[in-house]
Amino acid sequence: MTLQESIKQNKFKDEHHKLMLNLIYSGGLIQAEQTRFFKPYEISPQQYNVLRILRGQQTKPVSIGLLQERMLDQMSNASRLVEKLKQKALVTRNECKQDRRQMDVCITKAGLNLLEQIDAKIEAFEKRVTNLSKAEAKTLNELLDKLNT
């Protein structure tokens, strides 16, 4: 369905205005799909992002600040997300030995196991949601990279 059909608007100020609306609308659709996808795992897309960052650090403890820097959603509250993941026993959070003001966060075995379960299904989910060929995805990635610089 086109943007015009979805929001029932036939005329746009110009192509740049339509692009902005299209990006916002498409982002919202993808976020809603992600939320539905992660619901059975009892985590949010932002919590999933934190778990992936921690997995990428292997066994090295990570600060809340580093998590915040690397999060896809820069508006997320990393401290709150870590606390929720800690309550679910998916991460540990301990006082840093070198700097008592800093907290060290690590993924637990349960967190790694959850990511393994998700990994088995995430690729099919991403392909279904994006609905683009590999070449189209590459072109769109290049255009979005250009937009983000």
Protein backbone atom coordinates (compact mmCIF):
# COMPACT_ATOMS: atom_id res chain seq x y z
CA MET A 1 0.00 0.00 0.00
CA THR A 2 1.36 3.43 -0.90
CA LEU A 3 1.80 6.26 1.58
CA GLN A 4 -1.02 8.15 -0.16
CA GLU A 5 -3.41 5.24 0.39
CA SER A 6 -2.28 4.63 3.96
CA ILE A 7 -2.69 8.18 5.23
CA LYS A 8 -5.37 9.16 2.70
CA GLN A 9 -3.45 12.14 1.37
CA ASN A 10 -3.04 12.59 -2.37
CA LYS A 11 -0.96 15.75 -2.47
CA PHE A 12 2.33 16.55 -0.76
CA LYS A 13 4.21 19.84 -0.60
CA ASP A 14 7.12 18.27 -2.50
CA GLU A 15 9.07 15.00 -2.75
CA HIS A 16 11.22 15.84 0.29
CA HIS A 17 8.12 16.37 2.42
CA LYS A 18 6.67 13.10 1.17
CA LEU A 19 9.97 11.37 1.96
CA MET A 20 9.92 12.63 5.56
CA LEU A 21 6.36 11.41 6.05
CA ASN A 22 7.18 8.10 4.37
CA LEU A 23 10.19 7.52 6.64
CA ILE A 24 8.17 8.34 9.77
CA TYR A 25 5.25 6.17 8.68
CA SER A 26 7.47 3.25 7.63
CA GLY A 27 9.49 3.47 10.85
CA GLY A 28 6.28 3.31 12.86
CA LEU A 29 5.10 0.23 10.98
CA ILE A 30 8.42 -1.54 11.53
CA GLN A 31 8.45 -0.64 15.24
CA ALA A 32 4.94 -2.04 15.67
CA GLU A 33 5.95 -5.27 13.92
CA GLN A 34 9.06 -5.55 16.10
CA THR A 35 7.02 -5.07 19.25
CA ARG A 36 4.68 -7.89 18.17
CA PHE A 37 7.64 -10.11 17.25
CA PHE A 38 9.38 -9.70 20.64
CA LYS A 39 6.22 -9.97 22.76
CA PRO A 40 6.34 -13.79 23.12
CA TYR A 41 9.92 -13.44 24.40
CA GLU A 42 8.73 -10.88 26.98
CA ILE A 43 11.24 -8.22 25.90
CA SER A 44 11.00 -4.96 23.98
CA PRO A 45 12.94 -4.11 20.82
CA GLN A 46 15.11 -1.78 22.96
CA GLN A 47 15.86 -4.58 25.44
CA TYR A 48 16.77 -6.83 22.52
CA ASN A 49 19.16 -4.14 21.31
CA VAL A 50 20.86 -4.04 24.75
CA LEU A 51 21.22 -7.83 24.78
CA ARG A 52 22.78 -7.81 21.31
CA ILE A 53 25.28 -5.13 22.32
CA LEU A 54 26.23 -7.14 25.40
CA ARG A 55 26.59 -10.37 23.41
CA GLY A 56 28.92 -8.55 21.01
CA GLN A 57 31.18 -7.62 23.93
CA GLN A 58 31.66 -11.32 24.75
CA THR A 59 32.34 -11.55 28.48
CA LYS A 60 33.69 -8.00 28.87
CA PRO A 61 31.64 -5.88 31.26
CA VAL A 62 30.03 -2.85 29.63
CA SER A 63 29.12 0.49 31.17
CA ILE A 64 25.64 1.98 30.94
CA GLY A 65 27.23 4.87 29.02
CA LEU A 66 28.62 2.57 26.35
CA LEU A 67 25.22 0.91 25.99
CA GLN A 68 23.56 4.31 25.60
CA GLU A 69 26.10 5.33 22.92
CA ARG A 70 25.54 2.19 20.87
CA MET A 71 21.76 1.92 21.15
CA LEU A 72 19.75 2.25 17.96
CA ASP A 73 17.11 4.26 19.82
CA GLN A 74 19.15 7.10 21.30
CA MET A 75 16.13 8.25 23.31
CA SER A 76 15.99 5.00 25.30
CA ASN A 77 16.88 5.04 28.97
CA ALA A 78 19.66 2.44 29.13
CA SER A 79 19.65 2.32 32.95
CA ARG A 80 15.95 1.49 33.04
CA LEU A 81 16.32 -1.13 30.30
CA VAL A 82 19.22 -2.79 32.14
CA GLU A 83 17.19 -2.87 35.37
CA LYS A 84 14.30 -4.62 33.59
CA LEU A 85 16.68 -7.12 32.01
CA LYS A 86 18.31 -7.71 35.41
CA GLN A 87 14.89 -8.47 36.93
CA LYS A 88 14.43 -11.10 34.21
CA ALA A 89 17.91 -12.54 35.01
CA LEU A 90 19.09 -11.81 31.46
CA VAL A 91 21.92 -9.50 32.59
CA THR A 92 23.98 -8.82 35.70
CA ARG A 93 24.84 -5.36 36.95
CA ASN A 94 27.69 -4.82 39.39
CA GLU A 95 29.67 -1.89 40.71
CA CYS A 96 32.84 -1.33 38.68
CA LYS A 97 35.98 -2.08 40.71
CA GLN A 98 37.99 0.74 39.10
CA ASP A 99 35.25 3.40 39.30
CA ARG A 100 32.58 2.95 41.95
CA ARG A 101 30.33 5.47 40.18
CA GLN A 102 30.12 3.21 37.14
CA MET A 103 28.08 0.02 36.80
CA ASP A 104 29.38 -2.98 34.86
CA VAL A 105 26.74 -4.87 32.87
CA CYS A 106 27.17 -8.40 31.48
CA ILE A 107 24.83 -10.74 29.67
CA THR A 108 23.94 -13.96 31.50
CA LYS A 109 23.67 -17.48 30.13
CA ALA A 110 19.87 -17.02 30.16
CA GLY A 111 20.31 -13.87 28.07
CA LEU A 112 22.50 -15.70 25.57
CA ASN A 113 19.98 -18.56 25.40
CA LEU A 114 17.16 -16.11 24.71
CA LEU A 115 19.17 -14.51 21.88
CA GLU A 116 19.76 -17.96 20.39
CA GLN A 117 16.00 -18.59 20.34
CA ILE A 118 15.41 -15.22 18.68
CA ASP A 119 18.27 -15.69 16.19
CA ALA A 120 16.50 -18.76 14.83
CA LYS A 121 13.51 -16.62 13.77
CA ILE A 122 14.73 -13.04 13.32
CA GLU A 123 16.06 -13.39 9.76
CA ALA A 124 12.71 -14.60 8.42
CA PHE A 125 10.96 -11.82 10.35
CA GLU A 126 13.26 -9.13 8.91
CA LYS A 127 12.81 -10.38 5.34
CA ARG A 128 9.02 -10.51 5.74
CA VAL A 129 8.81 -7.02 7.25
CA THR A 130 11.11 -5.29 4.77
CA ASN A 131 9.65 -7.01 1.70
CA LEU A 132 12.60 -5.97 -0.49
CA SER A 133 14.99 -7.93 -2.67
CA LYS A 134 18.64 -8.07 -1.67
CA ALA A 135 19.52 -5.51 -4.37
CA GLU A 136 16.69 -3.18 -3.28
CA ALA A 137 17.77 -3.47 0.35
CA LYS A 138 21.36 -2.61 -0.65
CA THR A 139 20.20 0.46 -2.59
CA LEU A 140 17.96 1.64 0.23
CA ASN A 141 20.76 1.11 2.76
CA GLU A 142 23.07 3.24 0.63
CA LEU A 143 20.45 5.99 0.35
CA LEU A 144 19.73 5.93 4.09
CA ASP A 145 23.48 6.02 4.86
CA LYS A 146 23.69 9.11 2.65
CA LEU A 147 20.73 10.62 4.46
CA ASN A 148 22.35 9.91 7.86
CA THR A 149 25.66 11.63 7.10
